C-alpha atoms as a PDB file:
ATOM      1  CA  MET A   1      23.440 -20.562   5.026  1.00  0.00           C
ATOM      2  CA  ASN A   2      25.515 -20.883   8.171  1.00  0.00           C
ATOM      3  CA  ALA A   3      24.281 -19.510  11.481  1.00  0.00           C
ATOM      4  CA  ARG A   4      26.505 -16.434  11.463  1.00  0.00           C
ATOM      5  CA  LEU A   5      25.395 -15.306   8.004  1.00  0.00           C
ATOM      6  CA  LYS A   6      21.769 -16.097   8.808  1.00  0.00           C
ATOM      7  CA  VAL A   7      21.832 -13.703  11.765  1.00  0.00           C
ATOM      8  CA  ILE A   8      23.221 -10.972   9.510  1.00  0.00           C
ATOM      9  CA  ALA A   9      20.671 -11.649   6.777  1.00  0.00           C
ATOM     10  CA  ASP A  10      17.734 -11.819   9.181  1.00  0.00           C
ATOM     11  CA  ASN A  11      18.588  -8.307  10.372  1.00  0.00           C
ATOM     12  CA  GLN A  12      18.677  -7.021   6.775  1.00  0.00           C
ATOM     13  CA  GLY A  13      15.441  -8.303   5.295  1.00  0.00           C
ATOM     14  CA  GLY A  14      17.057 -11.572   4.266  1.00  0.00           C
ATOM     15  CA  VAL A  15      19.740  -9.797   2.226  1.00  0.00           C
ATOM     16  CA  PHE A  16      23.515 -10.045   2.617  1.00  0.00           C
ATOM     17  CA  SER A  17      26.577  -8.912   0.700  1.00  0.00           C
ATOM     18  CA  ARG A  18      29.423 -10.917  -0.758  1.00  0.00           C
ATOM     19  CA  ALA A  19      31.731  -9.308   1.800  1.00  0.00           C
ATOM     20  CA  GLN A  20      29.424 -10.382   4.622  1.00  0.00           C
ATOM     21  CA  ALA A  21      29.325 -13.954   3.293  1.00  0.00           C
ATOM     22  CA  LEU A  22      33.129 -14.067   3.139  1.00  0.00           C
ATOM     23  CA  ALA A  23      33.393 -12.602   6.638  1.00  0.00           C
ATOM     24  CA  SER A  24      30.992 -15.298   7.850  1.00  0.00           C
ATOM     25  CA  GLY A  25      33.290 -18.091   6.724  1.00  0.00           C
ATOM     26  CA  TYR A  26      32.399 -18.732   3.088  1.00  0.00           C
ATOM     27  CA  THR A  27      35.112 -18.890   0.457  1.00  0.00           C
ATOM     28  CA  PRO A  28      34.753 -17.191  -2.943  1.00  0.00           C
ATOM     29  CA  ASP A  29      34.285 -20.618  -4.555  1.00  0.00           C
ATOM     30  CA  GLN A  30      31.524 -21.492  -2.079  1.00  0.00           C
ATOM     31  CA  VAL A  31      29.719 -18.228  -2.862  1.00  0.00           C
ATOM     32  CA  VAL A  32      29.807 -19.083  -6.571  1.00  0.00           C
ATOM     33  CA  ALA A  33      28.683 -22.663  -5.842  1.00  0.00           C
ATOM     34  CA  CYS A  34      25.692 -21.482  -3.770  1.00  0.00           C
ATOM     35  CA  LEU A  35      24.611 -19.186  -6.604  1.00  0.00           C
ATOM     36  CA  ARG A  36      25.026 -21.839  -9.279  1.00  0.00           C
ATOM     37  CA  ALA A  37      23.144 -24.420  -7.237  1.00  0.00           C
ATOM     38  CA  GLY A  38      20.261 -22.002  -6.784  1.00  0.00           C
ATOM     39  CA  TYR A  39      20.536 -21.845  -3.006  1.00  0.00           C
ATOM     40  CA  TRP A  40      21.178 -18.113  -3.245  1.00  0.00           C
ATOM     41  CA  VAL A  41      19.960 -15.512  -5.725  1.00  0.00           C
ATOM     42  CA  ARG A  42      21.793 -12.404  -6.889  1.00  0.00           C
ATOM     43  CA  LEU A  43      19.750  -9.234  -6.310  1.00  0.00           C
ATOM     44  CA  ARG A  44      22.313  -6.777  -7.592  1.00  0.00           C
ATOM     45  CA  ARG A  45      26.102  -6.628  -7.852  1.00  0.00           C
ATOM     46  CA  GLY A  46      27.536  -8.165  -4.682  1.00  0.00           C
ATOM     47  CA  GLN A  47      24.144  -8.494  -2.939  1.00  0.00           C
ATOM     48  CA  TYR A  48      22.395 -11.830  -2.421  1.00  0.00           C
ATOM     49  CA  ALA A  49      19.541 -13.571  -0.612  1.00  0.00           C
ATOM     50  CA  GLU A  50      18.434 -17.119  -0.005  1.00  0.00           C
ATOM     51  CA  ASN A  51      16.252 -18.499  -2.780  1.00  0.00           C
ATOM     52  CA  VAL A  52      12.788 -18.608  -1.198  1.00  0.00           C
ATOM     53  CA  ASP A  53       9.767 -20.026  -3.008  1.00  0.00           C
ATOM     54  CA  VAL A  54       7.020 -17.377  -2.947  1.00  0.00           C
ATOM     55  CA  SER A  55       4.966 -18.852  -5.785  1.00  0.00           C
ATOM     56  CA  HIS A  56       2.097 -19.490  -3.354  1.00  0.00           C
ATOM     57  CA  LEU A  57       1.697 -15.752  -2.788  1.00  0.00           C
ATOM     58  CA  PRO A  58      -0.665 -13.692  -4.958  1.00  0.00           C
ATOM     59  CA  PRO A  59       1.074 -11.539  -7.614  1.00  0.00           C
ATOM     60  CA  TRP A  60       0.823  -8.278  -5.677  1.00  0.00           C
ATOM     61  CA  GLU A  61       2.410  -9.845  -2.604  1.00  0.00           C
ATOM     62  CA  ARG A  62       5.215 -11.320  -4.717  1.00  0.00           C
ATOM     63  CA  ALA A  63       5.821  -7.849  -6.135  1.00  0.00           C
ATOM     64  CA  ARG A  64       6.049  -6.399  -2.605  1.00  0.00           C
ATOM     65  CA  TRP A  65       8.401  -9.220  -1.550  1.00  0.00           C
ATOM     66  CA  ALA A  66      10.706  -8.623  -4.511  1.00  0.00           C
ATOM     67  CA  HIS A  67      10.734  -4.858  -4.015  1.00  0.00           C
ATOM     68  CA  ARG A  68      11.471  -5.207  -0.305  1.00  0.00           C
ATOM     69  CA  GLN A  69      14.474  -7.401  -1.086  1.00  0.00           C
ATOM     70  CA  ARG A  70      15.719  -5.027  -3.776  1.00  0.00           C
ATOM     71  CA  THR A  71      15.361  -2.132  -1.348  1.00  0.00           C
ATOM     72  CA  HIS A  72      17.454  -3.920   1.271  1.00  0.00           C
ATOM     73  CA  ALA A  73      20.024  -4.866  -1.366  1.00  0.00           C
ATOM     74  CA  ALA A  74      20.300  -1.280  -2.571  1.00  0.00           C
ATOM     75  CA  MET A  75      20.577   0.102   0.944  1.00  0.00           C
ATOM     76  CA  ASN A  76      23.171  -2.550   1.805  1.00  0.00           C
ATOM     77  CA  SER A  77      25.304  -1.477  -1.138  1.00  0.00           C
ATOM     78  CA  LEU A  78      25.222   2.249  -0.345  1.00  0.00           C
ATOM     79  CA  ARG A  79      27.200   4.009   2.344  1.00  0.00           C
ATOM     80  CA  SER A  80      25.351   3.775   5.650  1.00  0.00           C
ATOM     81  CA  GLY A  81      23.627   7.038   6.537  1.00  0.00           C
ATOM     82  CA  SER A  82      24.029   8.552   3.073  1.00  0.00           C
ATOM     83  CA  VAL A  83      20.475   7.820   1.904  1.00  0.00           C
ATOM     84  CA  ALA A  84      17.075   6.948   3.322  1.00  0.00           C
ATOM     85  CA  ALA A  85      14.593   4.586   1.697  1.00  0.00           C
ATOM     86  CA  SER A  86      11.756   6.818   0.519  1.00  0.00           C
ATOM     87  CA  HIS A  87       8.616   7.030  -1.614  1.00  0.00           C
ATOM     88  CA  GLN A  88       7.122   3.600  -2.413  1.00  0.00           C
ATOM     89  CA  SER A  89      10.218   1.797  -1.138  1.00  0.00           C
ATOM     90  CA  ALA A  90       9.641   3.293   2.302  1.00  0.00           C
ATOM     91  CA  LEU A  91       5.946   2.429   2.044  1.00  0.00           C
ATOM     92  CA  VAL A  92       6.859  -1.227   1.483  1.00  0.00           C
ATOM     93  CA  LEU A  93       9.054  -1.176   4.597  1.00  0.00           C
ATOM     94  CA  HIS A  94       6.259   0.523   6.549  1.00  0.00           C
ATOM     95  CA  GLY A  95       3.807  -2.158   5.416  1.00  0.00           C
ATOM     96  CA  LEU A  96       1.499   0.426   3.812  1.00  0.00           C
ATOM     97  CA  PRO A  97      -0.346  -0.111   0.505  1.00  0.00           C
ATOM     98  CA  VAL A  98       1.476   0.537  -2.751  1.00  0.00           C
ATOM     99  CA  TRP A  99      -1.479  -0.008  -5.086  1.00  0.00           C
ATOM    100  CA  GLY A 100      -1.057   1.926  -8.321  1.00  0.00           C
ATOM    101  CA  LEU A 101       2.592   2.758  -7.665  1.00  0.00           C
ATOM    102  CA  ASP A 102       5.464   1.668  -9.901  1.00  0.00           C
ATOM    103  CA  LEU A 103       7.744  -0.762  -8.070  1.00  0.00           C
ATOM    104  CA  GLY A 104      10.246  -1.036 -10.900  1.00  0.00           C
ATOM    105  CA  LEU A 105      12.864   1.153  -9.211  1.00  0.00           C
ATOM    106  CA  VAL A 106      14.064   1.338  -5.629  1.00  0.00           C
ATOM    107  CA  HIS A 107      13.596   4.873  -4.301  1.00  0.00           C
ATOM    108  CA  VAL A 108      15.974   6.584  -1.897  1.00  0.00           C
ATOM    109  CA  SER A 109      16.431  10.181  -0.817  1.00  0.00           C
ATOM    110  CA  ARG A 110      19.871  11.689  -0.345  1.00  0.00           C
ATOM    111  CA  VAL A 111      20.339  12.673   3.271  1.00  0.00           C
ATOM    112  CA  HIS A 112      22.845  15.406   2.426  1.00  0.00           C
ATOM    113  CA  GLY A 113      21.281  16.564  -0.835  1.00  0.00           C
ATOM    114  CA  ARG A 114      23.925  15.545  -3.333  1.00  0.00           C
ATOM    115  CA  SER A 115      23.305  14.561  -6.975  1.00  0.00           C
ATOM    116  CA  GLY A 116      20.128  12.706  -7.939  1.00  0.00           C
ATOM    117  CA  GLY A 117      19.122  10.487 -10.838  1.00  0.00           C
ATOM    118  CA  VAL A 118      18.800   6.774 -11.577  1.00  0.00           C
ATOM    119  CA  VAL A 119      21.816   4.573 -10.869  1.00  0.00           C
ATOM    120  CA  ALA A 120      21.731   0.763 -11.158  1.00  0.00           C
ATOM    121  CA  GLY A 121      17.988   0.484 -10.662  1.00  0.00           C
ATOM    122  CA  VAL A 122      17.848   3.017  -7.834  1.00  0.00           C
ATOM    123  CA  GLN A 123      16.145   6.397  -8.141  1.00  0.00           C
ATOM    124  CA  HIS A 124      18.052   8.907  -6.016  1.00  0.00           C
ATOM    125  CA  HIS A 125      15.866  11.835  -4.953  1.00  0.00           C
ATOM    126  CA  LEU A 126      16.996  15.204  -3.703  1.00  0.00           C
ATOM    127  CA  GLY A 127      15.146  16.856  -0.862  1.00  0.00           C
ATOM    128  CA  LYS A 128      15.845  18.352   2.513  1.00  0.00           C
ATOM    129  CA  LEU A 129      15.451  15.753   5.256  1.00  0.00           C
ATOM    130  CA  THR A 130      15.251  16.653   8.928  1.00  0.00           C
ATOM    131  CA  PRO A 131      15.215  14.299  11.931  1.00  0.00           C
ATOM    132  CA  ASN A 132      11.410  14.641  11.917  1.00  0.00           C
ATOM    133  CA  ASP A 133      11.349  13.073   8.441  1.00  0.00           C
ATOM    134  CA  LEU A 134      13.400  10.007   9.315  1.00  0.00           C
ATOM    135  CA  THR A 135      12.935   6.714  11.100  1.00  0.00           C
ATOM    136  CA  VAL A 136      14.562   3.280  11.110  1.00  0.00           C
ATOM    137  CA  LEU A 137      12.734   0.278   9.655  1.00  0.00           C
ATOM    138  CA  GLU A 138      14.177  -3.226   9.533  1.00  0.00           C
ATOM    139  CA  GLY A 139      17.553  -1.720  10.328  1.00  0.00           C
ATOM    140  CA  ARG A 140      17.333   0.760   7.442  1.00  0.00           C
ATOM    141  CA  LEU A 141      17.128   4.525   7.517  1.00  0.00           C
ATOM    142  CA  ALA A 142      13.813   5.481   5.906  1.00  0.00           C
ATOM    143  CA  THR A 143      11.437   8.385   5.629  1.00  0.00           C
ATOM    144  CA  THR A 144       8.519   8.405   8.054  1.00  0.00           C
ATOM    145  CA  ALA A 145       5.166   6.977   7.006  1.00  0.00           C
ATOM    146  CA  GLY A 146       3.658  10.445   6.545  1.00  0.00           C
ATOM    147  CA  ARG A 147       6.537  11.698   4.453  1.00  0.00           C
ATOM    148  CA  ALA A 148       6.666   8.510   2.375  1.00  0.00           C
ATOM    149  CA  VAL A 149       2.950   8.669   1.590  1.00  0.00           C
ATOM    150  CA  LEU A 150       3.217  12.269   0.404  1.00  0.00           C
ATOM    151  CA  GLU A 151       6.440  11.591  -1.512  1.00  0.00           C
ATOM    152  CA  ALA A 152       4.702   8.813  -3.424  1.00  0.00           C
ATOM    153  CA  ALA A 153       1.492  10.835  -3.802  1.00  0.00           C
ATOM    154  CA  CYS A 154       3.407  13.555  -5.637  1.00  0.00           C
ATOM    155  CA  THR A 155       4.357  11.011  -8.322  1.00  0.00           C
ATOM    156  CA  ALA A 156       1.049   9.127  -8.496  1.00  0.00           C
ATOM    157  CA  SER A 157      -2.482   9.368  -9.819  1.00  0.00           C
ATOM    158  CA  PHE A 158      -5.147  10.868  -7.577  1.00  0.00           C
ATOM    159  CA  GLU A 159      -6.598   7.385  -7.026  1.00  0.00           C
ATOM    160  CA  ALA A 160      -3.274   5.887  -5.929  1.00  0.00           C
ATOM    161  CA  ALA A 161      -2.551   8.929  -3.762  1.00  0.00           C
ATOM    162  CA  VAL A 162      -5.902   8.542  -1.967  1.00  0.00           C
ATOM    163  CA  VAL A 163      -5.185   4.857  -1.321  1.00  0.00           C
ATOM    164  CA  GLY A 164      -1.994   5.822   0.507  1.00  0.00           C
ATOM    165  CA  VAL A 165      -3.488   8.762   2.387  1.00  0.00           C
ATOM    166  CA  ASP A 166      -6.528   6.765   3.538  1.00  0.00           C
ATOM    167  CA  ALA A 167      -4.301   3.946   4.820  1.00  0.00           C
ATOM    168  CA  LEU A 168      -2.094   6.426   6.663  1.00  0.00           C
ATOM    169  CA  LEU A 169      -5.060   8.185   8.270  1.00  0.00           C
ATOM    170  CA  HIS A 170      -6.714   4.884   9.179  1.00  0.00           C
ATOM    171  CA  ALA A 171      -3.524   3.765  10.913  1.00  0.00           C
ATOM    172  CA  GLY A 172      -3.377   7.045  12.835  1.00  0.00           C
ATOM    173  CA  GLY A 173      -0.023   7.846  11.279  1.00  0.00           C
ATOM    174  CA  LEU A 174      -0.499  11.566  10.726  1.00  0.00           C
ATOM    175  CA  ASN A 175      -1.285  14.116  13.418  1.00  0.00           C
ATOM    176  CA  ALA A 176      -2.184  17.765  12.831  1.00  0.00           C
ATOM    177  CA  ALA A 177       1.351  19.020  13.457  1.00  0.00           C
ATOM    178  CA  ASP A 178       2.878  16.508  11.025  1.00  0.00           C
ATOM    179  CA  LEU A 179       0.243  17.339   8.432  1.00  0.00           C
ATOM    180  CA  HIS A 180       0.946  21.065   8.624  1.00  0.00           C
ATOM    181  CA  ARG A 181       4.706  20.591   8.461  1.00  0.00           C
ATOM    182  CA  LEU A 182       4.612  18.123   5.567  1.00  0.00           C
ATOM    183  CA  GLN A 183       2.251  20.303   3.551  1.00  0.00           C
ATOM    184  CA  GLU A 184       4.802  23.083   3.823  1.00  0.00           C
ATOM    185  CA  VAL A 185       7.611  20.693   2.810  1.00  0.00           C
ATOM    186  CA  ILE A 186       5.881  19.578  -0.407  1.00  0.00           C
ATOM    187  CA  GLU A 187       4.378  22.969  -1.298  1.00  0.00           C
ATOM    188  CA  PHE A 188       6.523  23.516  -4.379  1.00  0.00           C
ATOM    189  CA  TRP A 189       7.235  19.897  -5.322  1.00  0.00           C
ATOM    190  CA  PRO A 190       6.118  18.676  -8.751  1.00  0.00           C
ATOM    191  CA  GLY A 191       2.861  16.797  -8.247  1.00  0.00           C
ATOM    192  CA  SER A 192       2.133  18.416  -4.890  1.00  0.00           C
ATOM    193  CA  ALA A 193      -1.328  19.482  -6.096  1.00  0.00           C
ATOM    194  CA  THR A 194      -2.298  15.806  -6.349  1.00  0.00           C
ATOM    195  CA  ALA A 195      -0.948  15.097  -2.867  1.00  0.00           C
ATOM    196  CA  ARG A 196      -2.854  18.053  -1.380  1.00  0.00           C
ATOM    197  CA  ALA A 197      -6.072  16.978  -3.118  1.00  0.00           C
ATOM    198  CA  ALA A 198      -5.640  13.456  -1.732  1.00  0.00           C
ATOM    199  CA  LEU A 199      -5.120  14.862   1.758  1.00  0.00           C
ATOM    200  CA  ARG A 200      -8.335  16.883   1.499  1.00  0.00           C
ATOM    201  CA  PHE A 201     -10.226  13.835   0.249  1.00  0.00           C
ATOM    202  CA  GLY A 202      -8.638  11.322   2.638  1.00  0.00           C
ATOM    203  CA  ASP A 203     -10.805   9.612   5.236  1.00  0.00           C
ATOM    204  CA  PRO A 204      -9.609   7.463   8.168  1.00  0.00           C
ATOM    205  CA  LEU A 205     -12.845   5.443   7.981  1.00  0.00           C
ATOM    206  CA  SER A 206     -11.775   3.915   4.682  1.00  0.00           C
ATOM    207  CA  GLU A 207     -10.475   0.503   5.728  1.00  0.00           C
ATOM    208  CA  SER A 208      -8.980  -1.036   2.588  1.00  0.00           C
ATOM    209  CA  VAL A 209      -7.481  -0.340  -0.813  1.00  0.00           C
ATOM    210  CA  GLY A 210     -10.744  -1.400  -2.444  1.00  0.00           C
ATOM    211  CA  GLU A 211     -12.834   0.950  -0.324  1.00  0.00           C
ATOM    212  CA  SER A 212     -10.505   3.851  -1.128  1.00  0.00           C
ATOM    213  CA  ARG A 213     -10.702   3.109  -4.845  1.00  0.00           C
ATOM    214  CA  MET A 214     -14.497   2.878  -4.653  1.00  0.00           C
ATOM    215  CA  ARG A 215     -14.662   6.236  -2.864  1.00  0.00           C
ATOM    216  CA  VAL A 216     -12.622   7.829  -5.649  1.00  0.00           C
ATOM    217  CA  PHE A 217     -14.830   6.191  -8.272  1.00  0.00           C
ATOM    218  CA  LEU A 218     -18.034   7.483  -6.629  1.00  0.00           C
ATOM    219  CA  TYR A 219     -16.550  10.980  -6.388  1.00  0.00           C
ATOM    220  CA  GLU A 220     -15.245  11.121  -9.949  1.00  0.00           C
ATOM    221  CA  TYR A 221     -18.505   9.833 -11.444  1.00  0.00           C
ATOM    222  CA  GLY A 222     -20.632  12.318  -9.533  1.00  0.00           C
ATOM    223  CA  PHE A 223     -22.442  10.045  -7.090  1.00  0.00           C
ATOM    224  CA  PRO A 224     -23.610  11.341  -3.687  1.00  0.00           C
ATOM    225  CA  THR A 225     -21.121  11.310  -0.841  1.00  0.00           C
ATOM    226  CA  PRO A 226     -21.696   8.152   1.196  1.00  0.00           C
ATOM    227  CA  VAL A 227     -21.615   7.622   4.947  1.00  0.00           C
ATOM    228  CA  LEU A 228     -18.714   5.275   5.696  1.00  0.00           C
ATOM    229  CA  GLN A 229     -18.926   2.347   8.129  1.00  0.00           C
ATOM    230  CA  ALA A 230     -22.563   2.988   9.071  1.00  0.00           C
ATOM    231  CA  GLU A 231     -23.893   0.514  11.660  1.00  0.00           C
ATOM    232  CA  PHE A 232     -27.272  -1.213  11.510  1.00  0.00           C
ATOM    233  CA  ARG A 233     -29.319  -3.144  14.058  1.00  0.00           C
ATOM    234  CA  ASP A 234     -32.538  -5.108  13.959  1.00  0.00           C
ATOM    235  CA  ARG A 235     -34.657  -6.847  16.587  1.00  0.00           C
ATOM    236  CA  GLN A 236     -32.020  -9.566  16.845  1.00  0.00           C
ATOM    237  CA  GLY A 237     -29.337  -7.008  17.634  1.00  0.00           C
ATOM    238  CA  PHE A 238     -26.291  -5.820  15.756  1.00  0.00           C
ATOM    239  CA  VAL A 239     -26.386  -6.605  12.016  1.00  0.00           C
ATOM    240  CA  GLY A 240     -23.089  -5.085  10.991  1.00  0.00           C
ATOM    241  CA  ARG A 241     -21.199  -2.147   9.553  1.00  0.00           C
ATOM    242  CA  VAL A 242     -21.500  -1.409   5.859  1.00  0.00           C
ATOM    243  CA  ASP A 243     -18.859   0.105   3.621  1.00  0.00           C
ATOM    244  CA  PHE A 244     -21.001   2.805   1.970  1.00  0.00           C
ATOM    245  CA  TYR A 245     -24.459   4.014   2.988  1.00  0.00           C
ATOM    246  CA  PHE A 246     -26.603   6.545   1.131  1.00  0.00           C
ATOM    247  CA  PRO A 247     -29.367   7.545   3.590  1.00  0.00           C
ATOM    248  CA  ALA A 248     -31.452   9.497   1.058  1.00  0.00           C
ATOM    249  CA  TYR A 249     -31.755   6.376  -1.081  1.00  0.00           C
ATOM    250  CA  GLY A 250     -31.843   3.630   1.535  1.00  0.00           C
ATOM    251  CA  LEU A 251     -28.946   2.166  -0.429  1.00  0.00           C
ATOM    252  CA  VAL A 252     -25.889   0.238   0.736  1.00  0.00           C
ATOM    253  CA  ILE A 253     -22.823  -0.607  -1.348  1.00  0.00           C
ATOM    254  CA  GLU A 254     -20.488  -3.297  -0.061  1.00  0.00           C
ATOM    255  CA  PHE A 255     -17.067  -3.701  -1.615  1.00  0.00           C
ATOM    256  CA  ASP A 256     -16.103  -7.381  -1.699  1.00  0.00           C
ATOM    257  CA  GLY A 257     -12.321  -7.403  -1.380  1.00  0.00           C
ATOM    258  CA  LEU A 258     -12.331 -11.128  -0.610  1.00  0.00           C
ATOM    259  CA  LEU A 259     -12.609 -11.952  -4.293  1.00  0.00           C
ATOM    260  CA  LYS A 260      -9.276 -10.302  -4.986  1.00  0.00           C
ATOM    261  CA  TYR A 261      -7.662 -12.394  -2.316  1.00  0.00           C
ATOM    262  CA  GLY A 262      -8.683 -15.785  -3.666  1.00  0.00           C
ATOM    263  CA  GLY A 263     -12.260 -15.979  -2.414  1.00  0.00           C
ATOM    264  CA  ALA A 264     -13.750 -16.606   0.985  1.00  0.00           C
ATOM    265  CA  ALA A 265     -14.422 -19.784   2.924  1.00  0.00           C
ATOM    266  CA  ALA A 266     -17.891 -21.278   2.580  1.00  0.00           C
ATOM    267  CA  ASP A 267     -18.910 -20.404   6.146  1.00  0.00           C
ATOM    268  CA  VAL A 268     -17.891 -16.770   5.576  1.00  0.00           C
ATOM    269  CA  LEU A 269     -20.018 -16.592   2.421  1.00  0.00           C
ATOM    270  CA  VAL A 270     -23.011 -18.078   4.260  1.00  0.00           C
ATOM    271  CA  GLU A 271     -22.638 -15.549   7.067  1.00  0.00           C
ATOM    272  CA  GLU A 272     -22.410 -12.696   4.534  1.00  0.00           C
ATOM    273  CA  LYS A 273     -25.611 -13.915   2.876  1.00  0.00           C
ATOM    274  CA  ARG A 274     -27.432 -13.927   6.226  1.00  0.00           C
ATOM    275  CA  ARG A 275     -26.137 -10.442   6.964  1.00  0.00           C
ATOM    276  CA  GLU A 276     -27.362  -9.151   3.603  1.00  0.00           C
ATOM    277  CA  ASP A 277     -30.799 -10.728   4.155  1.00  0.00           C
ATOM    278  CA  ARG A 278     -31.090  -8.916   7.481  1.00  0.00           C
ATOM    279  CA  LEU A 279     -30.087  -5.607   5.877  1.00  0.00           C
ATOM    280  CA  ARG A 280     -32.687  -6.052   3.138  1.00  0.00           C
ATOM    281  CA  ALA A 281     -35.286  -6.898   5.776  1.00  0.00           C
ATOM    282  CA  LEU A 282     -34.638  -3.389   7.158  1.00  0.00           C
ATOM    283  CA  GLY A 283     -35.781  -1.997   3.795  1.00  0.00           C
ATOM    284  CA  LEU A 284     -32.292  -1.353   2.434  1.00  0.00           C
ATOM    285  CA  THR A 285     -31.156  -1.976  -1.121  1.00  0.00           C
ATOM    286  CA  VAL A 286     -27.827  -3.805  -0.966  1.00  0.00           C
ATOM    287  CA  VAL A 287     -25.367  -3.783  -3.871  1.00  0.00           C
ATOM    288  CA  ARG A 288     -22.105  -5.712  -3.913  1.00  0.00           C
ATOM    289  CA  SER A 289     -19.142  -4.584  -5.972  1.00  0.00           C
ATOM    290  CA  VAL A 290     -15.928  -6.479  -6.668  1.00  0.00           C
ATOM    291  CA  TRP A 291     -12.414  -5.636  -7.848  1.00  0.00           C
ATOM    292  CA  SER A 292     -13.119  -6.406 -11.492  1.00  0.00           C
ATOM    293  CA  ASP A 293     -15.948  -3.821 -11.521  1.00  0.00           C
ATOM    294  CA  LEU A 294     -13.404  -1.046 -11.041  1.00  0.00           C
ATOM    295  CA  ASP A 295     -11.632  -2.160 -14.210  1.00  0.00           C
ATOM    296  CA  HIS A 296     -14.748  -1.066 -16.141  1.00  0.00           C
ATOM    297  CA  PRO A 297     -15.788   2.153 -14.412  1.00  0.00           C
ATOM    298  CA  ALA A 298     -18.176   3.410 -17.128  1.00  0.00           C
ATOM    299  CA  THR A 299     -20.130   0.137 -17.029  1.00  0.00           C
ATOM    300  CA  LEU A 300     -20.202   0.199 -13.229  1.00  0.00           C
ATOM    301  CA  ALA A 301     -21.367   3.824 -13.227  1.00  0.00           C
ATOM    302  CA  ALA A 302     -24.237   3.074 -15.607  1.00  0.00           C
ATOM    303  CA  ALA A 303     -25.392   0.121 -13.498  1.00  0.00           C
ATOM    304  CA  LEU A 304     -25.215   2.127 -10.269  1.00  0.00           C
ATOM    305  CA  ARG A 305     -27.143   5.034 -11.778  1.00  0.00           C
ATOM    306  CA  ARG A 306     -29.974   2.643 -12.589  1.00  0.00           C
ATOM    307  CA  THR A 307     -29.837   1.306  -9.031  1.00  0.00           C
ATOM    308  CA  PHE A 308     -29.893   4.818  -7.557  1.00  0.00           C
ATOM    309  CA  ALA A 309     -32.844   5.758  -9.754  1.00  0.00           C
ATOM    310  CA  ALA A 310     -34.813   2.703  -8.654  1.00  0.00           C
ATOM    311  CA  ALA A 311     -33.882   3.274  -4.998  1.00  0.00           C
ATOM    312  CA  ARG A 312     -35.073   6.897  -5.210  1.00  0.00           C
ATOM    313  CA  ARG A 313     -38.504   5.765  -6.505  1.00  0.00           C
ATOM    314  CA  THR A 314     -38.953   3.278  -3.677  1.00  0.00           C
ATOM    315  CA  ALA A 315     -37.439   5.408  -0.895  1.00  0.00           C
END
């Protein structure tokens, strides 16, 4: 890629059009040659990107990468200012979690409320957008983080909606005025009941996708409401913060997200073991849960009920 085209692509998420390549000095034959040689990849009709090896990334990050590129390609092919990236596509541009959301289609919202529907892999949504609903991300018009989270929440499961709401609240991306306004905006949208329930349940102290999913699991299976991010100290000083603390049971649950992300370094594991030993020395029961546990919620619930029963007897 020559320098002129690289500048254009870098400002568009790595994506460029055939017209932009030609304007940057490439001939039609050179465009075809770059595609055939595998230097460039075709994202959609007339929209390309350099062929970048992302095989080292975990699957969920590759999915985000691919969706981000498809979003830029779709936006680059549509008339500037006519649509805004929205729903999960806006969440990807905002860098917010998209766990549990379908990334198969690019989502945009019509700025001027014309026809909707799916066209060439792009879901066009209708909905009134005001300046308060819009921002610019990576050079693209997009819905704000708050709006995007609620847009996606209206199409998602309660669990996925909570993941988005927790992340938004944790990042401080929703103030009281925005919350009130957006609740009025989505009042009559299909799926708005799920979004409102997620907003009521959301907690800014939830620090990861795994913690949000665990909170939903504990709620849906009838466990007590935990204290989030409780801090503990011993005679040596600060021990640490724990993900979930149940004071009536002297019980701590730690969600180990490191296992999803390829495991932790040996020194990290040793430090975690020391931390757990210090927590147990305080008389606490410490339980660790991992991503795969949430794939078998009934089994996890049965095991935790036994742990709670034992903790109650010894409390």
